[in-house]
Protein backbone atom coordinates (compact mmCIF):
# COMPACT_ATOMS: atom_id res chain seq x y z
CA UNK A 1 257.94 18.88 -6.40
CA UNK A 2 260.30 17.68 -9.85
CA UNK A 3 258.86 13.94 -9.54
CA UNK A 4 255.41 15.31 -9.87
CA UNK A 5 256.29 18.06 -12.51
CA UNK A 6 258.13 14.88 -14.28
CA UNK A 7 254.91 12.55 -14.23
CA UNK A 8 252.95 15.70 -15.71
CA UNK A 9 255.16 16.32 -18.41
CA UNK A 10 255.06 12.49 -19.32
CA UNK A 11 251.68 12.13 -19.27
CA UNK A 12 250.67 15.35 -20.70
CA UNK A 13 248.92 13.71 -23.99
CA UNK A 14 247.06 11.27 -21.71
CA UNK A 15 245.39 13.99 -19.87
CA UNK A 16 244.22 16.05 -22.66
CA UNK A 17 243.07 12.52 -24.23
CA UNK A 18 240.80 12.30 -20.57
CA UNK A 19 239.77 15.53 -20.65
CA UNK A 20 238.26 15.14 -24.34
CA UNK A 21 236.89 12.12 -23.44
CA UNK A 22 235.10 13.84 -20.11
CA UNK A 23 233.82 16.95 -22.66
CA UNK A 24 232.15 14.36 -25.04
CA UNK A 25 229.69 13.95 -22.33
CA UNK A 26 226.76 16.50 -22.55
CA UNK A 27 226.19 16.95 -18.86
CA UNK A 28 223.21 19.57 -18.92
CA UNK A 29 222.02 19.88 -15.78
CA UNK A 30 219.03 22.56 -16.58
CA UNK A 31 217.91 20.08 -19.46
CA UNK A 32 216.18 16.56 -17.81
CA UNK A 33 216.20 14.94 -21.43
CA UNK A 34 220.23 14.89 -20.76
CA UNK A 35 219.20 13.50 -17.18
CA UNK A 36 221.16 10.30 -18.00
CA UNK A 37 224.26 12.06 -19.65
CA UNK A 38 224.69 14.03 -16.17
CA UNK A 39 224.56 10.36 -14.49
CA UNK A 40 227.29 9.19 -16.90
CA UNK A 41 229.52 12.16 -16.29
CA UNK A 42 229.51 11.30 -11.99
CA UNK A 43 230.67 7.68 -13.25
CA UNK A 44 233.24 8.99 -15.36
CA UNK A 45 234.31 11.51 -12.66
CA UNK A 46 234.24 8.95 -9.97
CA UNK A 47 236.40 6.23 -11.87
CA UNK A 48 238.98 9.38 -12.60
CA UNK A 49 239.02 10.17 -8.81
CA UNK A 50 239.87 6.16 -8.70
CA UNK A 51 242.28 5.79 -11.06
CA UNK A 52 244.26 8.88 -9.70
CA UNK A 53 244.70 7.56 -6.38
CA UNK A 54 241.70 8.56 -4.11
CA UNK A 55 240.17 6.73 -1.74
CA UNK A 56 236.38 6.11 -0.20
CA UNK A 57 235.28 7.50 -3.41
CA UNK A 58 231.49 7.35 -3.79
CA UNK A 59 228.78 8.75 -5.62
CA UNK A 60 226.67 10.23 -3.12
CA UNK A 61 223.16 10.81 -3.95
CA UNK A 62 221.21 13.72 -3.65
CA UNK A 63 217.52 14.87 -4.02
CA UNK A 64 219.18 15.80 -7.21
CA UNK A 65 222.63 14.96 -9.75
CA UNK A 66 225.21 13.59 -7.38
CA UNK A 67 227.83 14.72 -5.34
CA UNK A 68 231.11 12.66 -6.13
CA UNK A 69 233.42 12.88 -3.31
CA UNK A 70 236.66 10.96 -2.94
CA UNK A 71 240.19 11.90 -0.12
CA UNK A 72 243.85 11.41 1.00
CA UNK A 73 244.05 11.05 3.91
CA UNK A 74 247.92 10.60 4.39
CA UNK A 75 248.22 11.99 8.19
CA UNK A 76 245.96 13.63 10.49
CA UNK A 77 248.42 16.14 12.21
CA UNK A 78 248.53 17.31 8.53
CA UNK A 79 247.07 20.30 6.61
CA UNK A 80 243.79 18.85 4.77
CA UNK A 81 242.78 21.05 1.37
CA UNK A 82 239.15 20.67 0.36
CA UNK A 83 238.67 20.85 -3.44
CA UNK A 84 235.24 21.47 -5.19
CA UNK A 85 234.66 21.66 -8.53
CA UNK A 86 231.47 21.01 -10.91
CA UNK A 87 230.75 18.67 -14.04
CA UNK A 88 227.72 19.78 -15.00
CA UNK A 89 227.75 23.02 -18.25
CA UNK A 90 225.60 25.23 -19.60
CA UNK A 91 223.06 24.24 -22.36
CA UNK A 92 225.31 24.71 -25.55
CA UNK A 93 222.28 26.93 -27.54
CA UNK A 94 222.66 28.67 -29.96
CA UNK A 95 224.09 25.33 -31.48
CA UNK A 96 224.12 26.72 -34.94
CA UNK A 97 226.59 29.81 -33.92
CA UNK A 98 229.43 26.73 -33.33
CA UNK A 99 232.19 26.49 -35.41
CA UNK A 100 232.29 22.45 -34.32
CA UNK A 101 229.22 20.22 -32.50
CA UNK A 102 229.73 21.59 -29.08
CA UNK A 103 230.24 18.35 -27.49
CA UNK A 104 232.42 17.05 -30.44
CA UNK A 105 236.02 18.89 -28.83
CA UNK A 106 238.62 19.83 -31.39
CA UNK A 107 241.75 21.34 -30.77
CA UNK A 108 241.81 24.71 -32.69
CA UNK A 109 244.50 27.26 -32.93
CA UNK A 110 244.02 30.56 -32.01
CA UNK A 111 245.92 34.62 -31.70
CA UNK A 112 245.22 34.11 -27.89
CA UNK A 113 246.00 30.71 -27.93
CA UNK A 114 248.79 29.93 -30.65
CA UNK A 115 249.66 26.57 -28.97
CA UNK A 116 245.96 25.43 -29.21
CA UNK A 117 242.97 25.37 -27.32
CA UNK A 118 240.03 23.22 -27.08
CA UNK A 119 236.71 23.72 -28.29
CA UNK A 120 233.70 22.40 -26.23
CA UNK A 121 230.77 22.98 -24.28
CA UNK A 122 232.33 22.96 -20.71
CA UNK A 123 236.25 23.25 -21.94
CA UNK A 124 236.88 25.88 -19.42
CA UNK A 125 233.46 25.98 -17.33
CA UNK A 126 234.54 23.88 -15.22
CA UNK A 127 235.46 20.50 -16.65
CA UNK A 128 238.61 21.94 -17.47
CA UNK A 129 239.47 22.89 -14.91
CA UNK A 130 238.17 20.55 -12.46
CA UNK A 131 240.18 17.98 -14.15
CA UNK A 132 243.52 19.95 -13.82
CA UNK A 133 242.79 19.59 -9.92
CA UNK A 134 242.48 15.44 -10.92
CA UNK A 135 245.30 15.24 -13.03
CA UNK A 136 247.03 17.14 -10.25
CA UNK A 137 246.33 15.32 -7.31
CA UNK A 138 246.91 12.15 -9.44
CA UNK A 139 250.85 13.32 -10.15
CA UNK A 140 251.96 14.39 -6.61
CA UNK A 141 249.85 10.63 -5.33
CA UNK A 142 251.80 9.09 -8.02
CA UNK A 143 255.11 10.64 -7.04
CA UNK A 144 254.98 10.37 -3.51
CA UNK A 145 254.95 14.24 -2.81
CA UNK A 146 251.37 14.90 -1.92
CA UNK A 147 252.40 17.25 1.15
CA UNK A 148 248.94 17.51 3.07
CA UNK A 149 245.20 15.77 3.03
CA UNK A 150 243.35 16.25 0.17
CA UNK A 151 239.11 15.84 0.11
CA UNK A 152 237.86 16.60 -3.28
CA UNK A 153 233.82 17.26 -3.66
CA UNK A 154 232.52 17.51 -7.36
CA UNK A 155 229.04 18.18 -7.46
CA UNK A 156 226.62 18.08 -10.74
CA UNK A 157 224.15 20.65 -10.19
CA UNK A 158 226.28 23.84 -10.02
CA UNK A 159 225.09 25.97 -13.40
CA UNK A 160 221.36 25.51 -11.73
CA UNK A 161 222.29 26.63 -8.34
CA UNK A 162 223.39 24.15 -6.32
CA UNK A 163 220.54 23.93 -4.25
CA UNK A 164 221.21 20.33 -3.07
CA UNK A 165 224.88 20.85 -2.25
CA UNK A 166 223.85 22.90 0.61
CA UNK A 167 221.97 20.01 2.15
CA UNK A 168 224.99 17.61 0.98
CA UNK A 169 227.18 20.00 3.20
CA UNK A 170 225.37 20.23 6.10
CA UNK A 171 224.90 16.65 6.29
CA UNK A 172 228.38 15.94 5.67
CA UNK A 173 230.17 18.82 8.03
CA UNK A 174 232.44 15.70 9.43
CA UNK A 175 233.42 14.81 6.48
CA UNK A 176 233.89 17.48 5.13
CA UNK A 177 236.28 18.85 7.94
CA UNK A 178 239.01 20.67 6.35
CA UNK A 179 241.76 23.90 6.61
CA UNK A 180 240.70 25.59 3.37
CA UNK A 181 239.00 25.04 0.42
CA UNK A 182 240.12 25.10 -3.30
CA UNK A 183 238.36 26.12 -6.44
CA UNK A 184 239.08 26.83 -9.73
CA UNK A 185 236.18 27.99 -11.65
CA UNK A 186 237.17 31.46 -12.20
CA UNK A 187 240.03 32.93 -14.66
CA UNK A 188 242.76 35.51 -15.06
CA UNK A 189 243.74 38.84 -16.80
CA UNK A 190 245.92 37.37 -19.05
CA UNK A 191 248.24 33.97 -19.79
CA UNK A 192 251.65 36.45 -19.14
CA UNK A 193 248.90 38.39 -16.31
CA UNK A 194 248.17 36.04 -13.76
CA UNK A 195 245.72 36.94 -11.60
CA UNK A 196 244.09 35.27 -8.46
CA UNK A 197 240.15 36.39 -7.26
CA UNK A 198 239.49 37.63 -4.06
CA UNK A 199 236.14 38.76 -4.65
CA UNK A 200 232.74 37.60 -6.21
CA UNK A 201 229.42 39.39 -6.44
CA UNK A 202 226.23 37.67 -5.78
CA UNK A 203 223.26 37.05 -7.49
CA UNK A 204 219.22 37.42 -7.28
CA UNK A 205 217.89 36.04 -10.38
CA UNK A 206 213.99 36.20 -11.54
CA UNK A 207 211.33 35.55 -13.97
CA UNK A 208 208.42 37.95 -14.82
CA UNK A 209 205.77 37.13 -16.55
CA UNK A 210 203.28 40.30 -17.26
CA UNK A 211 199.99 39.25 -18.83
CA UNK A 212 197.22 41.11 -20.37
CA UNK A 213 194.39 39.85 -22.19
CA UNK A 214 192.91 36.47 -20.90
CA UNK A 215 193.38 35.57 -24.49
CA UNK A 216 195.96 36.62 -27.75
CA UNK A 217 193.74 39.33 -29.61
CA UNK A 218 193.86 40.54 -33.63
CA UNK A 219 196.21 44.03 -33.33
CA UNK A 220 193.62 45.00 -35.94
CA UNK A 221 190.51 45.21 -34.11
CA UNK A 222 192.26 45.49 -30.23
CA UNK A 223 195.50 47.58 -30.87
CA UNK A 224 195.20 50.68 -29.17
CA UNK A 225 192.29 49.50 -26.71
CA UNK A 226 194.22 47.15 -24.89
CA UNK A 227 197.10 46.63 -22.53
CA UNK A 228 200.05 45.05 -24.81
CA UNK A 229 201.84 42.67 -22.78
CA UNK A 230 204.90 42.63 -24.78
CA UNK A 231 205.00 46.59 -24.77
CA UNK A 232 204.42 47.13 -20.99
CA UNK A 233 207.36 44.32 -20.35
CA UNK A 234 209.66 46.47 -22.52
CA UNK A 235 208.76 49.88 -21.10
CA UNK A 236 208.85 47.95 -17.20
CA UNK A 237 212.38 46.91 -18.00
CA UNK A 238 213.64 50.38 -19.64
CA UNK A 239 212.47 52.10 -16.55
CA UNK A 240 214.72 49.27 -14.32
CA UNK A 241 217.77 52.12 -15.44
CA UNK A 242 218.17 55.66 -15.11
CA UNK A 243 219.55 58.12 -17.84
CA UNK A 244 223.00 57.62 -16.09
CA UNK A 245 222.57 53.65 -16.03
CA UNK A 246 221.94 54.17 -12.15
CA UNK A 247 219.47 50.84 -11.08
CA UNK A 248 216.25 52.57 -10.08
CA UNK A 249 215.00 49.63 -7.46
CA UNK A 250 213.89 52.04 -4.35
CA UNK A 251 216.78 50.57 -1.20
CA UNK A 252 218.81 48.40 -4.59
CA UNK A 253 222.00 50.38 -3.26
CA UNK A 254 221.34 51.01 0.47
CA UNK A 255 224.29 48.30 1.70
CA UNK A 256 226.19 48.45 -1.12
CA UNK A 257 230.14 48.87 0.58
CA UNK A 258 231.40 51.62 -1.57
CA UNK A 259 235.55 50.97 -1.95
CA UNK A 260 238.06 53.54 -0.88
CA UNK A 261 239.59 55.89 -3.81
CA UNK A 262 242.76 53.69 -2.33
CA UNK A 263 241.08 50.35 -3.54
CA UNK A 264 239.99 51.50 -5.87
CA UNK A 265 243.34 52.73 -7.50
CA UNK A 266 244.47 49.20 -6.41
CA UNK A 267 242.38 47.96 -8.60
CA UNK A 268 243.13 50.03 -11.79
CA UNK A 269 246.65 48.49 -11.66
CA UNK A 270 245.33 45.89 -13.67
CA UNK A 271 246.05 45.79 -17.24
CA UNK A 272 243.05 46.70 -19.10
CA UNK A 273 243.12 48.32 -22.99
CA UNK A 274 239.23 49.69 -23.65
CA UNK A 275 240.45 49.20 -27.43
CA UNK A 276 241.34 45.66 -27.30
CA UNK A 277 238.28 45.13 -25.06
CA UNK A 278 235.86 46.80 -27.64
CA UNK A 279 237.46 45.05 -30.43
CA UNK A 280 237.40 41.69 -28.78
CA UNK A 281 233.55 41.76 -28.77
CA UNK A 282 233.49 43.85 -32.29
CA UNK A 283 231.67 47.10 -30.00
CA UNK A 284 232.67 50.39 -30.55
CA UNK A 285 232.13 51.57 -27.29
CA UNK A 286 231.72 50.51 -23.33
CA UNK A 287 228.83 51.18 -21.68
CA UNK A 288 227.39 51.41 -18.37
CA UNK A 289 226.82 52.88 -14.74
CA UNK A 290 228.48 56.98 -14.95
CA UNK A 291 231.00 57.33 -12.52
CA UNK A 292 233.00 53.99 -12.92
CA UNK A 293 235.66 52.37 -15.00
CA UNK A 294 234.91 49.40 -17.23
CA UNK A 295 236.93 47.01 -14.56
CA UNK A 296 234.83 48.69 -11.57
CA UNK A 297 231.64 48.32 -13.48
CA UNK A 298 231.98 44.48 -13.60
CA UNK A 299 233.55 43.86 -10.23
CA UNK A 300 232.77 45.89 -7.58
CA UNK A 301 229.19 47.41 -8.96
CA UNK A 302 225.91 45.86 -8.49
CA UNK A 303 224.00 44.99 -11.73
CA UNK A 304 220.91 44.41 -13.18
CA UNK A 305 220.37 42.44 -16.86
CA UNK A 306 217.89 40.50 -18.83
CA UNK A 307 218.47 37.37 -19.76
CA UNK A 308 215.98 36.41 -21.98
CA UNK A 309 212.95 37.82 -23.09
CA UNK A 310 209.94 36.47 -25.30
CA UNK A 311 206.30 36.55 -26.16
CA UNK A 312 203.87 36.76 -28.48
CA UNK A 313 204.31 35.26 -32.11
CA UNK A 314 208.17 34.79 -33.76
CA UNK A 315 207.84 32.83 -36.11
CA UNK A 316 208.39 32.22 -39.99
CA UNK A 317 206.17 35.43 -41.92
CA UNK A 318 203.53 37.60 -39.88
CA UNK A 319 201.09 36.82 -37.57
CA UNK A 320 199.32 40.05 -36.29
CA UNK A 321 198.82 39.01 -32.80
CA UNK A 322 198.63 40.86 -29.26
CA UNK A 323 199.97 38.36 -26.87
CA UNK A 324 198.25 37.58 -23.63
CA UNK A 325 201.60 37.40 -21.83
CA UNK A 326 204.83 38.44 -22.24
CA UNK A 327 207.80 37.25 -20.13
CA UNK A 328 211.82 38.27 -19.38
CA UNK A 329 214.64 36.34 -17.25
CA UNK A 330 216.66 38.85 -14.92
CA UNK A 331 219.43 38.69 -13.29
CA UNK A 332 221.11 41.03 -10.50
CA UNK A 333 224.25 40.67 -9.62
CA UNK A 334 225.27 41.37 -5.98
CA UNK A 335 227.86 43.11 -4.26
CA UNK A 336 228.84 43.44 -0.69
CA UNK A 337 226.80 43.57 2.39
CA UNK A 338 223.30 43.36 -0.45
CA UNK A 339 221.58 40.16 0.29
CA UNK A 340 220.06 38.38 -2.33
CA UNK A 341 216.81 37.86 -0.84
CA UNK A 342 216.12 41.11 0.02
CA UNK A 343 217.22 41.88 -3.55
CA UNK A 344 214.93 39.91 -4.89
CA UNK A 345 212.16 41.08 -2.50
CA UNK A 346 212.60 44.77 -3.32
CA UNK A 347 212.84 43.76 -7.35
CA UNK A 348 209.50 42.14 -6.53
CA UNK A 349 207.71 44.96 -4.92
CA UNK A 350 208.76 47.38 -7.29
CA UNK A 351 208.52 45.76 -10.48
CA UNK A 352 204.78 45.11 -8.95
CA UNK A 353 204.50 48.90 -8.62
CA UNK A 354 204.92 50.00 -11.50
CA UNK A 355 202.60 47.34 -13.73
CA UNK A 356 199.80 50.11 -15.04
CA UNK A 357 196.23 48.79 -14.85
CA UNK A 358 195.36 46.22 -17.11
CA UNK A 359 197.75 44.04 -16.61
CA UNK A 360 198.83 41.79 -13.78
CA UNK A 361 202.14 41.07 -12.62
CA UNK A 362 204.54 37.45 -11.61
CA UNK A 363 207.61 37.16 -10.58
CA UNK A 364 209.18 33.64 -10.12
CA UNK A 365 212.48 33.56 -7.95
CA UNK A 366 214.82 31.73 -8.83
CA UNK A 367 218.40 31.11 -7.25
CA UNK A 368 220.61 33.21 -5.59
CA UNK A 369 223.57 33.41 -3.74
CA UNK A 370 225.72 35.76 -1.60
CA UNK A 371 228.66 37.69 -2.15
CA UNK A 372 232.06 36.44 -1.33
CA UNK A 373 235.57 38.31 -0.62
CA UNK A 374 238.94 36.23 0.12
CA UNK A 375 241.70 38.56 2.59
CA UNK A 376 244.81 38.66 0.53
CA UNK A 377 246.79 38.56 3.83
CA UNK A 378 245.06 35.02 4.50
CA UNK A 379 247.50 31.77 4.26
CA UNK A 380 245.48 30.56 1.52
CA UNK A 381 246.00 33.66 -0.41
CA UNK A 382 249.73 34.27 0.25
CA UNK A 383 249.87 30.15 -1.04
CA UNK A 384 248.40 30.80 -3.99
CA UNK A 385 250.46 33.49 -5.06
CA UNK A 386 253.17 31.68 -3.91
CA UNK A 387 252.33 28.76 -6.56
CA UNK A 388 251.16 31.16 -9.34
CA UNK A 389 254.73 32.82 -9.08
CA UNK A 390 256.66 29.40 -9.10
CA UNK A 391 254.82 28.66 -12.65
CA UNK A 392 254.98 32.25 -14.29
CA UNK A 393 257.30 33.79 -12.84
CA UNK A 394 255.76 36.86 -11.07
CA UNK A 395 253.64 37.53 -8.59
CA UNK A 396 249.45 37.55 -9.48
CA UNK A 397 247.55 40.44 -9.14
CA UNK A 398 244.81 40.30 -6.69
CA UNK A 399 241.34 40.80 -8.85
CA UNK A 400 237.36 40.80 -8.09
CA UNK A 401 234.99 38.93 -10.49
CA UNK A 402 231.55 40.25 -11.88
CA UNK A 403 230.97 36.50 -11.71
CA UNK A 404 229.09 34.81 -9.00
CA UNK A 405 229.67 31.55 -6.96
CA UNK A 406 226.97 31.60 -4.29
CA UNK A 407 228.69 28.04 -3.21
CA UNK A 408 231.51 30.24 -1.58
CA UNK A 409 229.67 31.69 1.08
CA UNK A 410 227.64 29.03 1.78
CA UNK A 411 231.30 27.06 2.28
CA UNK A 412 231.90 30.33 4.94
CA UNK A 413 228.35 29.90 6.89
CA UNK A 414 228.23 25.96 6.95
CA UNK A 415 231.96 24.57 7.23
CA UNK A 416 233.51 27.77 8.45
CA UNK A 417 236.07 27.86 5.77
CA UNK A 418 237.53 30.40 3.58
CA UNK A 419 238.11 29.63 0.12
CA UNK A 420 240.73 30.40 -2.47
CA UNK A 421 239.73 30.81 -6.48
CA UNK A 422 242.62 30.04 -8.59
CA UNK A 423 241.60 30.58 -11.96
CA UNK A 424 242.98 30.22 -15.18
CA UNK A 425 240.79 30.81 -17.87
CA UNK A 426 240.47 34.06 -19.92
CA UNK A 427 237.47 36.29 -20.40
CA UNK A 428 238.18 35.73 -23.89
CA UNK A 429 237.09 31.95 -23.34
CA UNK A 430 233.70 32.05 -24.17
CA UNK A 431 231.70 30.30 -21.22
CA UNK A 432 228.11 29.95 -21.59
CA UNK A 433 228.34 31.09 -25.01
CA UNK A 434 228.87 29.33 -28.61
CA UNK A 435 232.27 28.13 -29.32
CA UNK A 436 233.64 27.88 -25.03
CA UNK A 437 237.16 26.82 -25.45
CA UNK A 438 240.18 26.28 -22.81
CA UNK A 439 243.63 27.02 -24.04
CA UNK A 440 246.13 24.18 -23.66
CA UNK A 441 248.23 26.50 -22.07
CA UNK A 442 245.98 27.10 -19.29
CA UNK A 443 245.15 23.34 -18.97
CA UNK A 444 248.47 22.23 -18.07
CA UNK A 445 249.87 25.39 -16.18
CA UNK A 446 246.79 24.68 -14.05
CA UNK A 447 248.04 21.34 -13.83
CA UNK A 448 251.52 22.47 -12.83
CA UNK A 449 250.40 25.35 -10.68
CA UNK A 450 248.12 23.32 -8.16
CA UNK A 451 251.07 21.09 -6.65
CA UNK A 452 252.69 23.81 -5.59
CA UNK A 453 249.47 25.53 -4.06
CA UNK A 454 249.42 22.52 -1.57
CA UNK A 455 253.15 22.54 -0.67
CA UNK A 456 253.07 26.43 0.05
CA UNK A 457 250.01 25.76 2.14
CA UNK A 458 251.42 22.88 4.03
CA UNK A 459 254.39 24.88 5.11
CA UNK A 460 252.69 28.28 5.84
CA UNK A 461 250.29 26.58 8.44
CA UNK A 462 253.14 24.88 10.16
CA UNK A 463 254.33 28.89 10.62
């Protein structure tokens, strides 16, 4: 792989410039106002794949935003790796908390990234990590060292649930046939402690609406006489956890697979500093379900969190009003073997049951996804481990992530393929938050590591 690594070294500056161009495109899939920018981003990705040496590149239309596809089939007898990524990003709000405009990327040095980090929406999730694959692929093709067949599928709706990707996959099973799926949309423990994600939590996401009176009312004339939807919603949400931070929805934990003491002990080997964790978040202490460590709470335990809550008057000054309606968005992260549809129904039934008289409750399910686990004795995991050891000098630690990538379970169901999650981001990269960033070290190390995965997977597949 010397020629590939030399190619990467010689083109680092260009690789960065091209990523910065990609990050300047506000491909916010959740906001229809950016529809044109999302499509322009798909065109940019397609052009990048073509320039990298991919063949049969196509912008594949869906009922929503397109999927960009490209491939390099060098020999049908060789293994095929299907690379997945996404080019859409989260909204950048609140804009005022960014130190630079979110779609005007800048490179700045930080304590964690002394060599510099790219600050921009999508820098880590997932444009930077997706683009690593494009550049690694380019390096292998141009160096004549691509050892296997590669297919690349980059979608534009991951941040809104990937609903149309499932349809695309079902309709293109033959085109997407492969031996393994490779994804970089996760992270690792630290730049000197590489890790491979072996588990993902599932997701159930709902929006709730509580209605009281048929119109907004004067709080002096009606206060204390009618149900205040904002007060009621706050009480209902508070009741969803008990004093031990255990979720109170009946049946919520029925399918949860409890890890053995040995499995929990293995997880505990991953380095974790409570002091550093709290310092990074400017908190006095951690918080969560009794009986579990912080690492366990964020990976092997299900959760329920309010992601947004609103109602009534929130403008400047005072307005003495009892609002007619109050709203909240709630996400539940799930673990094996919880089913997102079942959990959504359990939530719906429970939330309606605890609403007091004088109110009406509406629950609207949004997107969701199943949890997934990748065995560490698989060829894919072993190949990833070899690849990290080549560039980091040490074996990566297998870890379970608290995040959700619903398409992983969908890929296994529709294509019968396991997914290897080779992430290079860090928890401190502020994905989904203001000042999202991605270290130059991580970007370049990812490009250097990915080719070693192709080589190791090809060799292991022959045995």
